[in-house]
Amino acid sequence: MQIKEFLGSTVLDKNAYEVGKVTNLEFDTVTGKIEEITLTLQKNIFSKDELVISFDDIDTIGAYVILNKEIPKEAEVEEDEDESVEVEIEE
């Protein structure tokens, strides 16, 4: 899979609920290993909330990116002053 195919991929949590889409990724410049991905959360049309996921939290990459974690519902998301989002991931 090429990076341009990976960016924009739909992300599902372990319960197959749509979480969002891949918007960015961070990788180790020495090893080339992806370390984390950034998701734009699926909330509403005007949402710009993002969530950073460790590569270790990814179960499968294919037609969808499937996480091995459950992402809490919107009520459990806490917003910071700079409009970034902090989410606790439940195992």
PDB file of N, CA and C in Angstrom:
ATOM      1  N   MET A   1       0.852  -1.174   0.000  1.00  0.00           N
ATOM      2  CA  MET A   1       0.000   0.000   0.000  1.00  0.00           C
ATOM      3  C   MET A   1       0.895   1.234   0.000  1.00  0.00           C
ATOM      4  N   GLN A   2       0.543   2.210  -0.807  1.00  0.00           N
ATOM      5  CA  GLN A   2       1.271   3.462  -0.847  1.00  0.00           C
ATOM      6  C   GLN A   2       0.683   4.442   0.156  1.00  0.00           C
ATOM      7  N   ILE A   3       1.513   5.400   0.588  1.00  0.00           N
ATOM      8  CA  ILE A   3       1.067   6.387   1.581  1.00  0.00           C
ATOM      9  C   ILE A   3      -0.154   7.137   1.090  1.00  0.00           C
ATOM     10  N   LYS A   4      -0.199   7.503  -0.192  1.00  0.00           N
ATOM     11  CA  LYS A   4      -1.345   8.258  -0.701  1.00  0.00           C
ATOM     12  C   LYS A   4      -2.640   7.441  -0.627  1.00  0.00           C
ATOM     13  N   GLU A   5      -2.542   6.115  -0.643  1.00  0.00           N
ATOM     14  CA  GLU A   5      -3.722   5.269  -0.464  1.00  0.00           C
ATOM     15  C   GLU A   5      -4.109   5.181   1.013  1.00  0.00           C
ATOM     16  N   PHE A   6      -3.096   5.219   1.890  1.00  0.00           N
ATOM     17  CA  PHE A   6      -3.321   5.110   3.331  1.00  0.00           C
ATOM     18  C   PHE A   6      -3.969   6.374   3.887  1.00  0.00           C
ATOM     19  N   LEU A   7      -3.481   7.538   3.457  1.00  0.00           N
ATOM     20  CA  LEU A   7      -4.076   8.804   3.902  1.00  0.00           C
ATOM     21  C   LEU A   7      -5.507   8.884   3.385  1.00  0.00           C
ATOM     22  N   GLY A   8      -6.422   9.215   4.242  1.00  0.00           N
ATOM     23  CA  GLY A   8      -7.827   9.266   3.869  1.00  0.00           C
ATOM     24  C   GLY A   8      -8.583   7.974   4.133  1.00  0.00           C
ATOM     25  N   SER A   9      -7.860   6.939   4.569  1.00  0.00           N
ATOM     26  CA  SER A   9      -8.508   5.656   4.871  1.00  0.00           C
ATOM     27  C   SER A   9      -9.476   5.806   6.039  1.00  0.00           C
ATOM     28  N   THR A  10     -10.572   5.087   5.974  1.00  0.00           N
ATOM     29  CA  THR A  10     -11.544   5.058   7.071  1.00  0.00           C
ATOM     30  C   THR A  10     -11.004   4.188   8.195  1.00  0.00           C
ATOM     31  N   VAL A  11     -11.138   4.681   9.431  1.00  0.00           N
ATOM     32  CA  VAL A  11     -10.646   3.963  10.613  1.00  0.00           C
ATOM     33  C   VAL A  11     -11.834   3.474  11.427  1.00  0.00           C
ATOM     34  N   LEU A  12     -11.793   2.185  11.782  1.00  0.00           N
ATOM     35  CA  LEU A  12     -12.822   1.561  12.607  1.00  0.00           C
ATOM     36  C   LEU A  12     -12.194   1.117  13.920  1.00  0.00           C
ATOM     37  N   ASP A  13     -12.955   1.209  15.037  1.00  0.00           N
ATOM     38  CA  ASP A  13     -12.426   0.684  16.291  1.00  0.00           C
ATOM     39  C   ASP A  13     -12.682  -0.821  16.344  1.00  0.00           C
ATOM     40  N   LYS A  14     -12.307  -1.460  17.452  1.00  0.00           N
ATOM     41  CA  LYS A  14     -12.420  -2.923  17.534  1.00  0.00           C
ATOM     42  C   LYS A  14     -13.855  -3.421  17.465  1.00  0.00           C
ATOM     43  N   ASN A  15     -14.833  -2.537  17.693  1.00  0.00           N
ATOM     44  CA  ASN A  15     -16.243  -2.910  17.595  1.00  0.00           C
ATOM     45  C   ASN A  15     -16.832  -2.574  16.229  1.00  0.00           C
ATOM     46  N   ALA A  16     -15.975  -2.206  15.285  1.00  0.00           N
ATOM     47  CA  ALA A  16     -16.351  -1.869  13.908  1.00  0.00           C
ATOM     48  C   ALA A  16     -17.158  -0.572  13.808  1.00  0.00           C
ATOM     49  N   TYR A  17     -17.020   0.309  14.805  1.00  0.00           N
ATOM     50  CA  TYR A  17     -17.633   1.631  14.724  1.00  0.00           C
ATOM     51  C   TYR A  17     -16.675   2.559  13.999  1.00  0.00           C
ATOM     52  N   GLU A  18     -17.197   3.355  13.069  1.00  0.00           N
ATOM     53  CA  GLU A  18     -16.355   4.285  12.337  1.00  0.00           C
ATOM     54  C   GLU A  18     -15.882   5.398  13.266  1.00  0.00           C
ATOM     55  N   VAL A  19     -14.569   5.564  13.342  1.00  0.00           N
ATOM     56  CA  VAL A  19     -13.952   6.541  14.225  1.00  0.00           C
ATOM     57  C   VAL A  19     -13.630   7.819  13.469  1.00  0.00           C
ATOM     58  N   GLY A  20     -13.075   7.686  12.287  1.00  0.00           N
ATOM     59  CA  GLY A  20     -12.670   8.848  11.502  1.00  0.00           C
ATOM     60  C   GLY A  20     -11.850   8.433  10.304  1.00  0.00           C
ATOM     61  N   LYS A  21     -11.005   9.358   9.842  1.00  0.00           N
ATOM     62  CA  LYS A  21     -10.164   9.105   8.674  1.00  0.00           C
ATOM     63  C   LYS A  21      -8.723   9.469   8.992  1.00  0.00           C
ATOM     64  N   VAL A  22      -7.780   8.742   8.374  1.00  0.00           N
ATOM     65  CA  VAL A  22      -6.360   9.009   8.548  1.00  0.00           C
ATOM     66  C   VAL A  22      -6.015  10.305   7.834  1.00  0.00           C
ATOM     67  N   THR A  23      -5.411  11.258   8.579  1.00  0.00           N
ATOM     68  CA  THR A  23      -5.040  12.537   7.971  1.00  0.00           C
ATOM     69  C   THR A  23      -3.543  12.787   7.973  1.00  0.00           C
ATOM     70  N   ASN A  24      -2.798  12.039   8.798  1.00  0.00           N
ATOM     71  CA  ASN A  24      -1.356  12.253   8.856  1.00  0.00           C
ATOM     72  C   ASN A  24      -0.708  11.030   9.480  1.00  0.00           C
ATOM     73  N   LEU A  25       0.586  10.901   9.296  1.00  0.00           N
ATOM     74  CA  LEU A  25       1.317   9.838   9.962  1.00  0.00           C
ATOM     75  C   LEU A  25       2.710  10.316  10.311  1.00  0.00           C
ATOM     76  N   GLU A  26       3.234   9.747  11.387  1.00  0.00           N
ATOM     77  CA  GLU A  26       4.593  10.044  11.847  1.00  0.00           C
ATOM     78  C   GLU A  26       5.391   8.756  11.710  1.00  0.00           C
ATOM     79  N   PHE A  27       6.618   8.873  11.193  1.00  0.00           N
ATOM     80  CA  PHE A  27       7.443   7.686  11.093  1.00  0.00           C
ATOM     81  C   PHE A  27       8.871   7.984  11.523  1.00  0.00           C
ATOM     82  N   ASP A  28       9.569   6.924  11.896  1.00  0.00           N
ATOM     83  CA  ASP A  28      10.961   7.017  12.313  1.00  0.00           C
ATOM     84  C   ASP A  28      11.799   7.167  11.048  1.00  0.00           C
ATOM     85  N   THR A  29      12.567   8.247  10.962  1.00  0.00           N
ATOM     86  CA  THR A  29      13.352   8.503   9.743  1.00  0.00           C
ATOM     87  C   THR A  29      14.510   7.529   9.569  1.00  0.00           C
ATOM     88  N   VAL A  30      14.935   6.876  10.631  1.00  0.00           N
ATOM     89  CA  VAL A  30      16.026   5.916  10.536  1.00  0.00           C
ATOM     90  C   VAL A  30      15.514   4.558  10.068  1.00  0.00           C
ATOM     91  N   THR A  31      14.463   4.057  10.729  1.00  0.00           N
ATOM     92  CA  THR A  31      13.957   2.711  10.415  1.00  0.00           C
ATOM     93  C   THR A  31      12.866   2.719   9.352  1.00  0.00           C
ATOM     94  N   GLY A  32      12.198   3.861   9.179  1.00  0.00           N
ATOM     95  CA  GLY A  32      11.083   3.929   8.234  1.00  0.00           C
ATOM     96  C   GLY A  32       9.787   3.386   8.799  1.00  0.00           C
ATOM     97  N   LYS A  33       9.791   2.966  10.066  1.00  0.00           N
ATOM     98  CA  LYS A  33       8.605   2.390  10.701  1.00  0.00           C
ATOM     99  C   LYS A  33       7.612   3.494  11.074  1.00  0.00           C
ATOM    100  N   ILE A  34       6.338   3.262  10.764  1.00  0.00           N
ATOM    101  CA  ILE A  34       5.288   4.193  11.183  1.00  0.00           C
ATOM    102  C   ILE A  34       5.149   4.092  12.691  1.00  0.00           C
ATOM    103  N   GLU A  35       5.186   5.236  13.384  1.00  0.00           N
ATOM    104  CA  GLU A  35       5.077   5.240  14.840  1.00  0.00           C
ATOM    105  C   GLU A  35       3.677   5.595  15.310  1.00  0.00           C
ATOM    106  N   GLU A  36       3.016   6.532  14.626  1.00  0.00           N
ATOM    107  CA  GLU A  36       1.657   6.913  15.004  1.00  0.00           C
ATOM    108  C   GLU A  36       0.940   7.518  13.811  1.00  0.00           C
ATOM    109  N   ILE A  37      -0.394   7.461  13.887  1.00  0.00           N
ATOM    110  CA  ILE A  37      -1.219   8.072  12.847  1.00  0.00           C
ATOM    111  C   ILE A  37      -2.136   9.096  13.502  1.00  0.00           C
ATOM    112  N   THR A  38      -2.505  10.106  12.739  1.00  0.00           N
ATOM    113  CA  THR A  38      -3.444  11.116  13.215  1.00  0.00           C
ATOM    114  C   THR A  38      -4.757  10.922  12.474  1.00  0.00           C
ATOM    115  N   LEU A  39      -5.858  10.924  13.231  1.00  0.00           N
ATOM    116  CA  LEU A  39      -7.194  10.759  12.672  1.00  0.00           C
ATOM    117  C   LEU A  39      -7.972  12.049  12.840  1.00  0.00           C
ATOM    118  N   THR A  40      -8.787  12.387  11.859  1.00  0.00           N
ATOM    119  CA  THR A  40      -9.817  13.392  12.052  1.00  0.00           C
ATOM    120  C   THR A  40     -11.044  12.622  12.490  1.00  0.00           C
ATOM    121  N   LEU A  41     -11.564  12.959  13.667  1.00  0.00           N
ATOM    122  CA  LEU A  41     -12.659  12.191  14.255  1.00  0.00           C
ATOM    123  C   LEU A  41     -13.966  12.391  13.516  1.00  0.00           C
ATOM    124  N   GLN A  42     -14.749  11.323  13.440  1.00  0.00           N
ATOM    125  CA  GLN A  42     -16.058  11.331  12.803  1.00  0.00           C
ATOM    126  C   GLN A  42     -17.071  11.814  13.819  1.00  0.00           C
ATOM    127  N   LYS A  43     -17.404  13.098  13.784  1.00  0.00           N
ATOM    128  CA  LYS A  43     -18.385  13.653  14.720  1.00  0.00           C
ATOM    129  C   LYS A  43     -19.499  14.351  13.961  1.00  0.00           C
ATOM    130  N   ASN A  44     -19.140  15.393  13.252  1.00  0.00           N
ATOM    131  CA  ASN A  44     -20.116  16.099  12.424  1.00  0.00           C
ATOM    132  C   ASN A  44     -19.381  16.781  11.280  1.00  0.00           C
ATOM    133  N   ILE A  45     -20.107  17.417  10.412  1.00  0.00           N
ATOM    134  CA  ILE A  45     -19.538  17.995   9.197  1.00  0.00           C
ATOM    135  C   ILE A  45     -18.454  19.024   9.492  1.00  0.00           C
ATOM    136  N   PHE A  46     -18.613  19.815  10.545  1.00  0.00           N
ATOM    137  CA  PHE A  46     -17.686  20.902  10.820  1.00  0.00           C
ATOM    138  C   PHE A  46     -16.621  20.544  11.855  1.00  0.00           C
ATOM    139  N   SER A  47     -16.547  19.290  12.263  1.00  0.00           N
ATOM    140  CA  SER A  47     -15.594  18.860  13.283  1.00  0.00           C
ATOM    141  C   SER A  47     -14.171  18.863  12.741  1.00  0.00           C
ATOM    142  N   LYS A  48     -13.262  19.381  13.527  1.00  0.00           N
ATOM    143  CA  LYS A  48     -11.846  19.361  13.190  1.00  0.00           C
ATOM    144  C   LYS A  48     -11.053  18.643  14.286  1.00  0.00           C
ATOM    145  N   ASP A  49     -11.739  17.916  15.160  1.00  0.00           N
ATOM    146  CA  ASP A  49     -11.074  17.230  16.256  1.00  0.00           C
ATOM    147  C   ASP A  49     -10.189  16.118  15.710  1.00  0.00           C
ATOM    148  N   GLU A  50      -9.006  15.989  16.319  1.00  0.00           N
ATOM    149  CA  GLU A  50      -8.060  14.981  15.882  1.00  0.00           C
ATOM    150  C   GLU A  50      -7.676  14.082  17.046  1.00  0.00           C
ATOM    151  N   LEU A  51      -7.246  12.882  16.719  1.00  0.00           N
ATOM    152  CA  LEU A  51      -6.818  11.905  17.700  1.00  0.00           C
ATOM    153  C   LEU A  51      -5.550  11.249  17.165  1.00  0.00           C
ATOM    154  N   VAL A  52      -4.528  11.139  18.006  1.00  0.00           N
ATOM    155  CA  VAL A  52      -3.282  10.479  17.616  1.00  0.00           C
ATOM    156  C   VAL A  52      -3.304   9.061  18.164  1.00  0.00           C
ATOM    157  N   ILE A  53      -3.055   8.096  17.289  1.00  0.00           N
ATOM    158  CA  ILE A  53      -3.090   6.681  17.635  1.00  0.00           C
ATOM    159  C   ILE A  53      -1.695   6.093  17.421  1.00  0.00           C
ATOM    160  N   SER A  54      -1.208   5.343  18.391  1.00  0.00           N
ATOM    161  CA  SER A  54       0.063   4.637  18.239  1.00  0.00           C
ATOM    162  C   SER A  54      -0.097   3.531  17.194  1.00  0.00           C
ATOM    163  N   PHE A  55       0.952   3.272  16.444  1.00  0.00           N
ATOM    164  CA  PHE A  55       0.885   2.206  15.448  1.00  0.00           C
ATOM    165  C   PHE A  55       0.592   0.860  16.102  1.00  0.00           C
ATOM    166  N   ASP A  56       0.992   0.691  17.363  1.00  0.00           N
ATOM    167  CA  ASP A  56       0.726  -0.552  18.090  1.00  0.00           C
ATOM    168  C   ASP A  56      -0.763  -0.769  18.338  1.00  0.00           C
ATOM    169  N   ASP A  57      -1.573   0.289  18.246  1.00  0.00           N
ATOM    170  CA  ASP A  57      -3.017   0.181  18.442  1.00  0.00           C
ATOM    171  C   ASP A  57      -3.764  -0.202  17.166  1.00  0.00           C
ATOM    172  N   ILE A  58      -3.026  -0.418  16.084  1.00  0.00           N
ATOM    173  CA  ILE A  58      -3.636  -0.812  14.813  1.00  0.00           C
ATOM    174  C   ILE A  58      -3.584  -2.327  14.689  1.00  0.00           C
ATOM    175  N   ASP A  59      -4.742  -2.923  14.406  1.00  0.00           N
ATOM    176  CA  ASP A  59      -4.833  -4.375  14.243  1.00  0.00           C
ATOM    177  C   ASP A  59      -4.610  -4.770  12.788  1.00  0.00           C
ATOM    178  N   THR A  60      -5.294  -4.075  11.861  1.00  0.00           N
ATOM    179  CA  THR A  60      -5.258  -4.440  10.451  1.00  0.00           C
ATOM    180  C   THR A  60      -5.278  -3.192   9.578  1.00  0.00           C
ATOM    181  N   ILE A  61      -4.518  -3.240   8.491  1.00  0.00           N
ATOM    182  CA  ILE A  61      -4.576  -2.188   7.482  1.00  0.00           C
ATOM    183  C   ILE A  61      -4.929  -2.861   6.168  1.00  0.00           C
ATOM    184  N   GLY A  62      -6.017  -2.410   5.569  1.00  0.00           N
ATOM    185  CA  GLY A  62      -6.476  -2.957   4.301  1.00  0.00           C
ATOM    186  C   GLY A  62      -7.469  -1.988   3.705  1.00  0.00           C
ATOM    187  N   ALA A  63      -8.645  -2.474   3.362  1.00  0.00           N
ATOM    188  CA  ALA A  63      -9.695  -1.578   2.867  1.00  0.00           C
ATOM    189  C   ALA A  63     -10.063  -0.565   3.946  1.00  0.00           C
ATOM    190  N   TYR A  64      -9.935  -0.965   5.204  1.00  0.00           N
ATOM    191  CA  TYR A  64     -10.137  -0.096   6.361  1.00  0.00           C
ATOM    192  C   TYR A  64      -8.922  -0.233   7.270  1.00  0.00           C
ATOM    193  N   VAL A  65      -8.709   0.763   8.110  1.00  0.00           N
ATOM    194  CA  VAL A  65      -7.735   0.647   9.190  1.00  0.00           C
ATOM    195  C   VAL A  65      -8.545   0.247  10.414  1.00  0.00           C
ATOM    196  N   ILE A  66      -8.254  -0.925  10.964  1.00  0.00           N
ATOM    197  CA  ILE A  66      -9.009  -1.435  12.096  1.00  0.00           C
ATOM    198  C   ILE A  66      -8.126  -1.410  13.330  1.00  0.00           C
ATOM    199  N   LEU A  67      -8.624  -0.751  14.382  1.00  0.00           N
ATOM    200  CA  LEU A  67      -7.887  -0.639  15.631  1.00  0.00           C
ATOM    201  C   LEU A  67      -8.158  -1.842  16.522  1.00  0.00           C
ATOM    202  N   ASN A  68      -7.225  -2.136  17.419  1.00  0.00           N
ATOM    203  CA  ASN A  68      -7.450  -3.204  18.397  1.00  0.00           C
ATOM    204  C   ASN A  68      -7.941  -2.618  19.716  1.00  0.00           C
ATOM    205  N   LYS A  69      -8.423  -1.377  19.667  1.00  0.00           N
ATOM    206  CA  LYS A  69      -8.927  -0.655  20.840  1.00  0.00           C
ATOM    207  C   LYS A  69     -10.325  -0.122  20.564  1.00  0.00           C
ATOM    208  N   GLU A  70     -11.051   0.143  21.643  1.00  0.00           N
ATOM    209  CA  GLU A  70     -12.357   0.793  21.535  1.00  0.00           C
ATOM    210  C   GLU A  70     -12.158   2.286  21.758  1.00  0.00           C
ATOM    211  N   ILE A  71     -12.757   3.098  20.921  1.00  0.00           N
ATOM    212  CA  ILE A  71     -12.690   4.547  21.084  1.00  0.00           C
ATOM    213  C   ILE A  71     -13.974   4.993  21.772  1.00  0.00           C
ATOM    214  N   PRO A  72     -13.854   5.690  22.913  1.00  0.00           N
ATOM    215  CA  PRO A  72     -15.049   6.122  23.653  1.00  0.00           C
ATOM    216  C   PRO A  72     -15.938   7.052  22.835  1.00  0.00           C
ATOM    217  N   LYS A  73     -17.184   7.094  23.206  1.00  0.00           N
ATOM    218  CA  LYS A  73     -18.149   7.979  22.545  1.00  0.00           C
ATOM    219  C   LYS A  73     -17.818   9.435  22.831  1.00  0.00           C
ATOM    220  N   GLU A  74     -18.453  10.340  22.123  1.00  0.00           N
ATOM    221  CA  GLU A  74     -18.195  11.781  22.203  1.00  0.00           C
ATOM    222  C   GLU A  74     -18.301  12.322  23.632  1.00  0.00           C
ATOM    223  N   ALA A  75     -19.172  11.777  24.435  1.00  0.00           N
ATOM    224  CA  ALA A  75     -19.373  12.275  25.802  1.00  0.00           C
ATOM    225  C   ALA A  75     -18.125  12.114  26.659  1.00  0.00           C
ATOM    226  N   GLU A  76     -17.253  11.162  26.311  1.00  0.00           N
ATOM    227  CA  GLU A  76     -16.069  10.906  27.097  1.00  0.00           C
ATOM    228  C   GLU A  76     -14.842  11.651  26.590  1.00  0.00           C
ATOM    229  N   VAL A  77     -14.985  12.428  25.529  1.00  0.00           N
ATOM    230  CA  VAL A  77     -13.876  13.170  24.941  1.00  0.00           C
ATOM    231  C   VAL A  77     -13.739  14.508  25.640  1.00  0.00           C
ATOM    232  N   GLU A  78     -12.513  14.839  26.060  1.00  0.00           N
ATOM    233  CA  GLU A  78     -12.252  16.106  26.715  1.00  0.00           C
ATOM    234  C   GLU A  78     -11.492  17.015  25.757  1.00  0.00           C
ATOM    235  N   GLU A  79     -11.965  18.260  25.580  1.00  0.00           N
ATOM    236  CA  GLU A  79     -11.297  19.186  24.694  1.00  0.00           C
ATOM    237  C   GLU A  79     -10.337  20.063  25.468  1.00  0.00           C
ATOM    238  N   ASP A  80      -9.150  20.307  24.881  1.00  0.00           N
ATOM    239  CA  ASP A  80      -8.163  21.211  25.448  1.00  0.00           C
ATOM    240  C   ASP A  80      -8.428  22.612  24.929  1.00  0.00           C
ATOM    241  N   GLU A  81      -7.702  23.607  25.488  1.00  0.00           N
ATOM    242  CA  GLU A  81      -7.885  24.995  25.073  1.00  0.00           C
ATOM    243  C   GLU A  81      -7.529  25.220  23.612  1.00  0.00           C
ATOM    244  N   ASP A  82      -6.546  24.478  23.079  1.00  0.00           N
ATOM    245  CA  ASP A  82      -6.113  24.681  21.703  1.00  0.00           C
ATOM    246  C   ASP A  82      -6.924  23.869  20.699  1.00  0.00           C
ATOM    247  N   GLU A  83      -8.074  23.391  21.094  1.00  0.00           N
ATOM    248  CA  GLU A  83      -9.022  22.645  20.273  1.00  0.00           C
ATOM    249  C   GLU A  83      -8.530  21.267  19.868  1.00  0.00           C
ATOM    250  N   SER A  84      -7.433  20.791  20.459  1.00  0.00           N
ATOM    251  CA  SER A  84      -7.059  19.410  20.216  1.00  0.00           C
ATOM    252  C   SER A  84      -7.890  18.549  21.165  1.00  0.00           C
ATOM    253  N   VAL A  85      -7.906  17.261  20.921  1.00  0.00           N
ATOM    254  CA  VAL A  85      -8.759  16.371  21.697  1.00  0.00           C
ATOM    255  C   VAL A  85      -7.905  15.344  22.407  1.00  0.00           C
ATOM    256  N   GLU A  86      -8.253  15.079  23.659  1.00  0.00           N
ATOM    257  CA  GLU A  86      -7.575  14.071  24.437  1.00  0.00           C
ATOM    258  C   GLU A  86      -8.578  12.960  24.705  1.00  0.00           C
ATOM    259  N   VAL A  87      -8.243  11.731  24.308  1.00  0.00           N
ATOM    260  CA  VAL A  87      -9.162  10.620  24.449  1.00  0.00           C
ATOM    261  C   VAL A  87      -8.452   9.478  25.162  1.00  0.00           C
ATOM    262  N   GLU A  88      -9.111   8.891  26.150  1.00  0.00           N
ATOM    263  CA  GLU A  88      -8.577   7.693  26.784  1.00  0.00           C
ATOM    264  C   GLU A  88      -9.083   6.507  25.994  1.00  0.00           C
ATOM    265  N   ILE A  89      -8.178   5.622  25.613  1.00  0.00           N
ATOM    266  CA  ILE A  89      -8.544   4.450  24.824  1.00  0.00           C
ATOM    267  C   ILE A  89      -8.736   3.277  25.767  1.00  0.00           C
ATOM    268  N   GLU A  90      -9.910   2.654  25.677  1.00  0.00           N
ATOM    269  CA  GLU A  90     -10.245   1.519  26.521  1.00  0.00           C
ATOM    270  C   GLU A  90      -9.843   0.236  25.825  1.00  0.00           C
ATOM    271  N   GLU A  91      -9.256  -0.697  26.592  1.00  0.00           N
ATOM    272  CA  GLU A  91      -8.877  -1.997  26.015  1.00  0.00           C
ATOM    273  C   GLU A  91      -9.986  -2.988  26.189  1.00  0.00           C
TER     274      GLU A  91
END
